[in-house]
Structure formats: structure tokens, C-alpha cells
Amino acid sequence: MSYKDEWLVIEANDDIDEMEHREPSEEFLFYRAVANGDVDAVRKNCEQDRFMDSEGVGVLSKDPLTNLKYHLVVTTAMVTRMCRQYGMELEQAFRLSDFYIRKLDEIHTPEGVKHLHDEMVMDYAEKMRRYHHNNTNSKHINSCKEYIYSHIKERITIEDLADALGVSASYLSRLFKKETGVSVSAYIRNRKIDMAKNLLRFSNDSMIEIANRLAFSSQSHFIQQFREVVGMTPKKYRDTYYMVEWNADSSRGSRAVRGNDLPEV
């Protein structure tokens, strides 16, 4: 018997879960709060443990832990698509989604799944808050930024961007500087340095590995560019910030957490 036929038998016998599901509008409003960058509303939802509330939620697996994991996958997919619809760069949205779904493999308790859910929705919400606060760009410039994000590990030229957008390099160069206040090359360099900072903080990659990964012409060029942007060498940055994470708490300020002090998931 096929799955479709099995469902038809279950439906005909009325042997299905009689639970009434939540109104879709409630979940939609939550996804929209994330996509709007409404960090306070999202945090409140997390504090109320709405994700753990089984009332009005369908059963996707008879195993409670697996059921919770499936619901997190659904939530991540919906949040990702809503944030993409509201302007998040496509590659960023889906790479973030892949990251959080893969993390489920490492989690073996309902509390761990709940913690991952809260981390995920707050991460998306904070990114969207910054996006809405900073975004005043035209469609061409947003597309340009999306291309840069997607190809950040490659050598990117203004000609590459212009070809991808179907405009002239001179027009794109003028428009980008007018709308963002920086040149295309400076923007690309800054985004590469941002990624390098994360690699220096959270990976053990060597300087030459980071330089190669981000398509700098040489290790010395990477060090020079990093120092110009950040004000210190990559080594100094790693020595200062390696495995340090800033936990923001609106009621108690921020504190630094280092290495082994990070909370376990």
C-alpha cells in the first residue's frame, strides 16, 4: 500500500488526530516579527516557551524528541523564507538555515532543541533588525550586495558585478558610492575582513589559510588590509578575541564569555 493509499484509509476510518491546530495567524505573526527584526517580541515568545507548548501543534513523530526536532526544521524553513521575502540576502538566509538544521544532529534533549530554537530565531531577528535599520538601497545595490555575499570567497571585480547585474561598470560604481558612501572595492574588502574576523575568533585556521580562503593575493596583503580596516594585525586580533562571544541582555547589559565558559547546547 502506498503512503497516499494509507492516508486515504486513515482518513476514511476517521482514525486521525482530533486535536485542533493553532490558528495559522499566530504562527504567521511570529514569523513576521522575526522578519521585521522585532527582537523584543521574538524574545518574549521565547521566554514564554511557546515553542515547547504542544497545545494546538501537530504530531510529526511519535518520539517526543524527534517530533520537536521536526517542528524546529519547519520553523527554520518558514523563518528563512519569510526573512528572504523581507530582504535578507538569499545565500545568507539559506546558509544560516542549513547551519541551524545541521546543529540538530548534536542535540539529544528537548531542552537542547528549545535552546537551539531560541538561538536561531533571535539570530535571524537581530540580523533583520540591522537590515531594516541600515537598508536604504535600490534594487541594483541590494542585488550587488547579494552577489558579493555569495562570492565572498572569490576575487570579485566591478566588472564581475556589472556583468551579473546587466549594467555598465561605471554606472554601478557611481551608484554604489552614492548609495552606500563607500566604493565597491572598499565594501568587498570590508566584508572579507568581517569574515576573516569570525575565522580568527572561532576557527584554528592559519593566517595563510584564511588569506587563501578569502582570495587575498597573499598572506602579507591580507595582513596589510586587515590592519588598515581593524587597526591591529590578525595575530593581535586572534590573541585578543579568540573564542570570545558577547552575550547581549537588554536588562543586564553585555558580558564577555571566553572559550570553555560558553554555555553548552
Protein backbone atom coordinates (compact mmCIF):
# COMPACT_ATOMS: atom_id res chain seq x y z
CA MET A 1 0.00 0.00 0.00
CA SER A 2 1.37 3.40 -0.92
CA TYR A 3 1.60 6.25 1.60
CA LYS A 4 -1.19 8.04 -0.24
CA ASP A 5 -3.43 4.99 -0.02
CA GLU A 6 -2.60 4.53 3.66
CA TRP A 7 -3.63 8.12 4.33
CA LEU A 8 -6.93 7.64 2.49
CA VAL A 9 -7.73 4.62 4.69
CA ILE A 10 -6.86 6.51 7.88
CA GLU A 11 -8.90 9.50 6.78
CA ALA A 12 -11.89 7.31 5.83
CA ASN A 13 -11.80 5.50 9.15
CA ASP A 14 -11.58 8.81 10.97
CA ASP A 15 -8.50 7.38 12.70
CA ILE A 16 -6.68 10.66 12.81
CA ASP A 17 -5.58 13.09 15.47
CA GLU A 18 -8.64 15.06 16.53
CA MET A 19 -6.60 17.86 18.03
CA GLU A 20 -7.40 21.32 16.74
CA HIS A 21 -4.32 23.08 15.44
CA ARG A 22 -3.36 26.60 16.31
CA GLU A 23 -4.64 29.36 14.13
CA PRO A 24 -2.10 29.88 11.33
CA SER A 25 -2.26 33.60 12.03
CA GLU A 26 -0.48 33.13 15.36
CA GLU A 27 2.50 31.42 13.78
CA PHE A 28 2.49 33.86 10.87
CA LEU A 29 2.64 36.81 13.27
CA PHE A 30 5.64 35.23 14.98
CA TYR A 31 7.46 34.63 11.68
CA ARG A 32 6.67 38.20 10.66
CA ALA A 33 8.06 39.52 13.96
CA VAL A 34 11.33 37.73 13.19
CA ALA A 35 11.39 39.05 9.61
CA ASN A 36 10.61 42.58 10.82
CA GLY A 37 13.52 42.42 13.26
CA ASP A 38 11.18 42.84 16.24
CA VAL A 39 13.70 41.47 18.72
CA ASP A 40 11.60 42.26 21.80
CA ALA A 41 8.56 40.37 20.50
CA VAL A 42 10.68 37.38 19.49
CA ARG A 43 12.47 37.33 22.85
CA LYS A 44 9.11 37.47 24.66
CA ASN A 45 7.86 34.50 22.64
CA CYS A 46 10.99 32.55 23.58
CA GLU A 47 10.64 33.45 27.27
CA GLN A 48 7.04 32.18 27.21
CA ASP A 49 8.28 28.83 25.88
CA ARG A 50 5.73 28.89 23.07
CA PHE A 51 7.90 26.53 21.05
CA MET A 52 7.58 23.89 23.77
CA ASP A 53 3.81 24.32 24.07
CA SER A 54 2.30 21.23 22.42
CA GLU A 55 -1.28 22.51 22.53
CA GLY A 56 -2.56 23.05 19.02
CA VAL A 57 0.62 21.66 17.43
CA GLY A 58 0.56 18.65 15.13
CA VAL A 59 2.38 15.43 15.98
CA LEU A 60 5.07 14.83 13.37
CA SER A 61 6.69 11.87 15.16
CA LYS A 62 5.67 9.52 17.96
CA ASP A 63 9.08 10.07 19.53
CA PRO A 64 8.89 13.34 21.56
CA LEU A 65 12.46 14.41 20.80
CA THR A 66 12.19 13.65 17.09
CA ASN A 67 8.83 15.42 17.00
CA LEU A 68 10.40 18.53 18.49
CA LYS A 69 13.28 18.38 16.01
CA TYR A 70 10.85 18.15 13.09
CA HIS A 71 9.00 21.19 14.35
CA LEU A 72 12.28 23.11 14.58
CA VAL A 73 13.04 22.22 10.95
CA VAL A 74 9.61 23.54 9.92
CA THR A 75 10.08 26.73 11.93
CA THR A 76 13.55 27.29 10.48
CA ALA A 77 12.25 26.81 6.94
CA MET A 78 9.39 29.25 7.48
CA VAL A 79 11.59 31.87 9.18
CA THR A 80 14.18 31.56 6.41
CA ARG A 81 11.67 32.15 3.65
CA MET A 82 9.95 34.98 5.47
CA CYS A 83 13.26 36.75 6.12
CA ARG A 84 14.24 36.23 2.49
CA GLN A 85 10.92 37.77 1.43
CA TYR A 86 11.60 40.76 3.69
CA GLY A 87 15.03 41.39 2.18
CA MET A 88 17.67 39.10 3.68
CA GLU A 89 20.32 38.06 1.17
CA LEU A 90 19.40 34.70 -0.35
CA GLU A 91 22.68 32.93 0.35
CA GLN A 92 22.86 34.26 3.89
CA ALA A 93 19.28 33.16 4.62
CA PHE A 94 19.72 29.61 3.36
CA ARG A 95 23.24 29.06 4.68
CA LEU A 96 22.01 30.15 8.10
CA SER A 97 19.11 27.72 7.79
CA ASP A 98 21.43 24.85 6.84
CA PHE A 99 23.70 25.67 9.79
CA TYR A 100 20.95 25.50 12.41
CA ILE A 101 19.33 22.37 10.97
CA ARG A 102 22.70 20.57 10.95
CA LYS A 103 23.18 21.51 14.61
CA LEU A 104 20.19 19.28 15.44
CA ASP A 105 22.43 16.24 14.91
CA GLU A 106 24.40 17.26 18.00
CA ILE A 107 21.36 17.65 20.28
CA HIS A 108 19.82 14.83 22.31
CA THR A 109 17.44 16.53 24.74
CA PRO A 110 14.23 18.57 24.36
CA GLU A 111 15.85 21.37 26.33
CA GLY A 112 18.71 21.46 23.83
CA VAL A 113 16.28 21.71 20.90
CA LYS A 114 14.44 24.54 22.66
CA HIS A 115 17.72 26.37 23.25
CA LEU A 116 18.68 25.96 19.58
CA HIS A 117 15.25 27.25 18.50
CA ASP A 118 15.65 30.37 20.64
CA GLU A 119 19.18 30.97 19.36
CA MET A 120 18.02 30.54 15.76
CA VAL A 121 15.03 32.89 15.85
CA MET A 122 16.94 35.55 17.81
CA ASP A 123 19.83 35.32 15.34
CA TYR A 124 17.51 35.87 12.38
CA ALA A 125 15.62 38.65 14.20
CA GLU A 126 18.79 40.53 15.11
CA LYS A 127 20.11 40.26 11.56
CA MET A 128 16.81 41.53 10.19
CA ARG A 129 16.75 44.41 12.68
CA ARG A 130 20.15 45.54 11.41
CA TYR A 131 18.99 45.06 7.82
CA HIS A 132 15.88 47.22 8.23
CA HIS A 133 17.84 49.86 10.12
CA ASN A 134 20.59 50.13 7.51
CA ASN A 135 18.83 49.34 4.26
CA THR A 136 18.00 52.32 2.09
CA ASN A 137 19.45 50.90 -1.10
CA SER A 138 17.98 50.45 -4.54
CA LYS A 139 17.30 47.06 -6.08
CA HIS A 140 20.57 47.19 -8.04
CA ILE A 141 22.66 47.81 -4.94
CA ASN A 142 20.86 45.13 -2.91
CA SER A 143 21.50 42.68 -5.76
CA CYS A 144 25.11 43.80 -5.82
CA LYS A 145 25.49 43.11 -2.10
CA GLU A 146 23.86 39.73 -2.51
CA TYR A 147 26.30 38.80 -5.27
CA ILE A 148 29.23 39.86 -3.08
CA TYR A 149 27.96 37.78 -0.16
CA SER A 150 27.52 34.73 -2.40
CA HIS A 151 31.01 35.07 -3.92
CA ILE A 152 32.92 36.43 -0.93
CA LYS A 153 35.50 33.63 -1.14
CA GLU A 154 36.37 34.60 -4.71
CA ARG A 155 38.19 37.51 -6.28
CA ILE A 156 35.39 39.92 -7.21
CA THR A 157 35.78 42.85 -9.62
CA ILE A 158 33.43 45.68 -10.51
CA GLU A 159 33.23 44.13 -13.98
CA ASP A 160 32.01 40.83 -12.47
CA LEU A 161 29.26 42.68 -10.61
CA ALA A 162 28.27 44.78 -13.59
CA ASP A 163 28.01 41.70 -15.81
CA ALA A 164 25.89 39.89 -13.23
CA LEU A 165 23.50 42.85 -12.95
CA GLY A 166 23.47 43.70 -16.65
CA VAL A 167 24.66 47.29 -16.18
CA SER A 168 27.84 49.15 -17.02
CA ALA A 169 30.74 49.11 -14.58
CA SER A 170 30.93 52.92 -14.47
CA TYR A 171 27.21 53.26 -13.71
CA LEU A 172 27.34 50.64 -10.96
CA SER A 173 30.45 52.20 -9.44
CA ARG A 174 28.81 55.64 -9.24
CA LEU A 175 25.52 54.29 -7.94
CA PHE A 176 27.18 52.13 -5.28
CA LYS A 177 29.27 55.01 -3.95
CA LYS A 178 26.26 57.34 -3.97
CA GLU A 179 24.00 54.96 -2.02
CA THR A 180 26.46 53.37 0.39
CA GLY A 181 29.07 56.07 0.83
CA VAL A 182 31.93 53.68 0.04
CA SER A 183 33.42 52.30 -3.15
CA VAL A 184 32.67 48.79 -4.35
CA SER A 185 36.24 47.68 -3.67
CA ALA A 186 36.13 49.08 -0.12
CA TYR A 187 32.82 47.33 0.55
CA ILE A 188 34.17 44.00 -0.73
CA ARG A 189 37.31 44.40 1.37
CA ASN A 190 35.28 45.19 4.49
CA ARG A 191 33.03 42.15 4.01
CA LYS A 192 36.08 39.91 3.56
CA ILE A 193 37.64 41.34 6.70
CA ASP A 194 34.38 40.74 8.61
CA MET A 195 34.53 37.08 7.63
CA ALA A 196 38.23 36.93 8.47
CA LYS A 197 37.45 38.27 11.96
CA ASN A 198 35.00 35.43 12.53
CA LEU A 199 37.54 32.87 11.32
CA LEU A 200 40.18 34.34 13.63
CA ARG A 201 37.79 34.21 16.58
CA PHE A 202 36.14 30.85 16.08
CA SER A 203 38.46 28.67 13.99
CA ASN A 204 42.02 27.42 14.16
CA ASP A 205 42.80 28.28 10.53
CA SER A 206 46.24 29.76 9.98
CA MET A 207 46.77 33.23 8.52
CA ILE A 208 47.72 31.80 5.14
CA GLU A 209 44.65 29.53 5.13
CA ILE A 210 42.36 32.48 5.85
CA ALA A 211 44.10 34.61 3.24
CA ASN A 212 43.67 31.88 0.62
CA ARG A 213 40.08 31.11 1.61
CA LEU A 214 39.06 34.74 1.13
CA ALA A 215 41.02 35.17 -2.11
CA PHE A 216 43.58 37.70 -0.90
CA SER A 217 46.56 37.83 -3.23
CA SER A 218 48.98 36.82 -0.46
CA GLN A 219 49.29 36.45 3.29
CA SER A 220 51.12 39.76 3.55
CA HIS A 221 48.38 41.50 1.57
CA PHE A 222 45.76 40.03 3.91
CA ILE A 223 47.67 41.24 6.98
CA GLN A 224 48.08 44.71 5.48
CA GLN A 225 44.39 45.01 4.56
CA PHE A 226 43.26 43.66 7.93
CA ARG A 227 45.41 46.15 9.82
CA GLU A 228 44.10 49.05 7.75
CA VAL A 229 40.48 48.14 8.48
CA VAL A 230 40.65 46.84 12.05
CA GLY A 231 43.59 48.81 13.44
CA MET A 232 45.57 45.76 14.55
CA THR A 233 47.17 42.72 12.95
CA PRO A 234 45.24 39.48 12.53
CA LYS A 235 47.50 37.84 15.13
CA LYS A 236 46.77 40.55 17.66
CA TYR A 237 43.05 40.26 16.92
CA ARG A 238 43.13 36.49 17.45
CA ASP A 239 45.15 36.82 20.66
CA THR A 240 42.59 39.30 21.97
CA TYR A 241 39.30 37.81 20.82
CA TYR A 242 39.81 34.08 20.22
CA MET A 243 36.65 32.19 21.25
CA VAL A 244 35.13 35.24 22.92
CA GLU A 245 31.40 35.64 22.45
CA TRP A 246 29.33 38.65 23.51
CA ASN A 247 26.00 37.79 25.09
CA ALA A 248 23.59 40.70 24.93
CA ASP A 249 20.95 41.00 27.63
CA SER A 250 18.76 44.06 27.50
CA SER A 251 18.20 44.10 31.24
CA ARG A 252 21.75 43.43 32.42
CA GLY A 253 23.98 44.78 29.67
CA SER A 254 26.62 42.64 27.94
CA ARG A 255 29.38 40.43 29.20
CA ALA A 256 32.22 38.60 27.52
CA VAL A 257 32.31 34.82 27.62
CA ARG A 258 35.54 33.06 26.76
CA GLY A 259 36.23 29.59 25.44
CA ASN A 260 35.19 26.88 27.88
CA ASP A 261 32.77 29.21 29.67
CA LEU A 262 30.38 29.17 26.74
CA PRO A 263 27.03 27.54 27.58
CA GLU A 264 26.51 24.03 26.28
CA VAL A 265 23.67 23.23 23.91
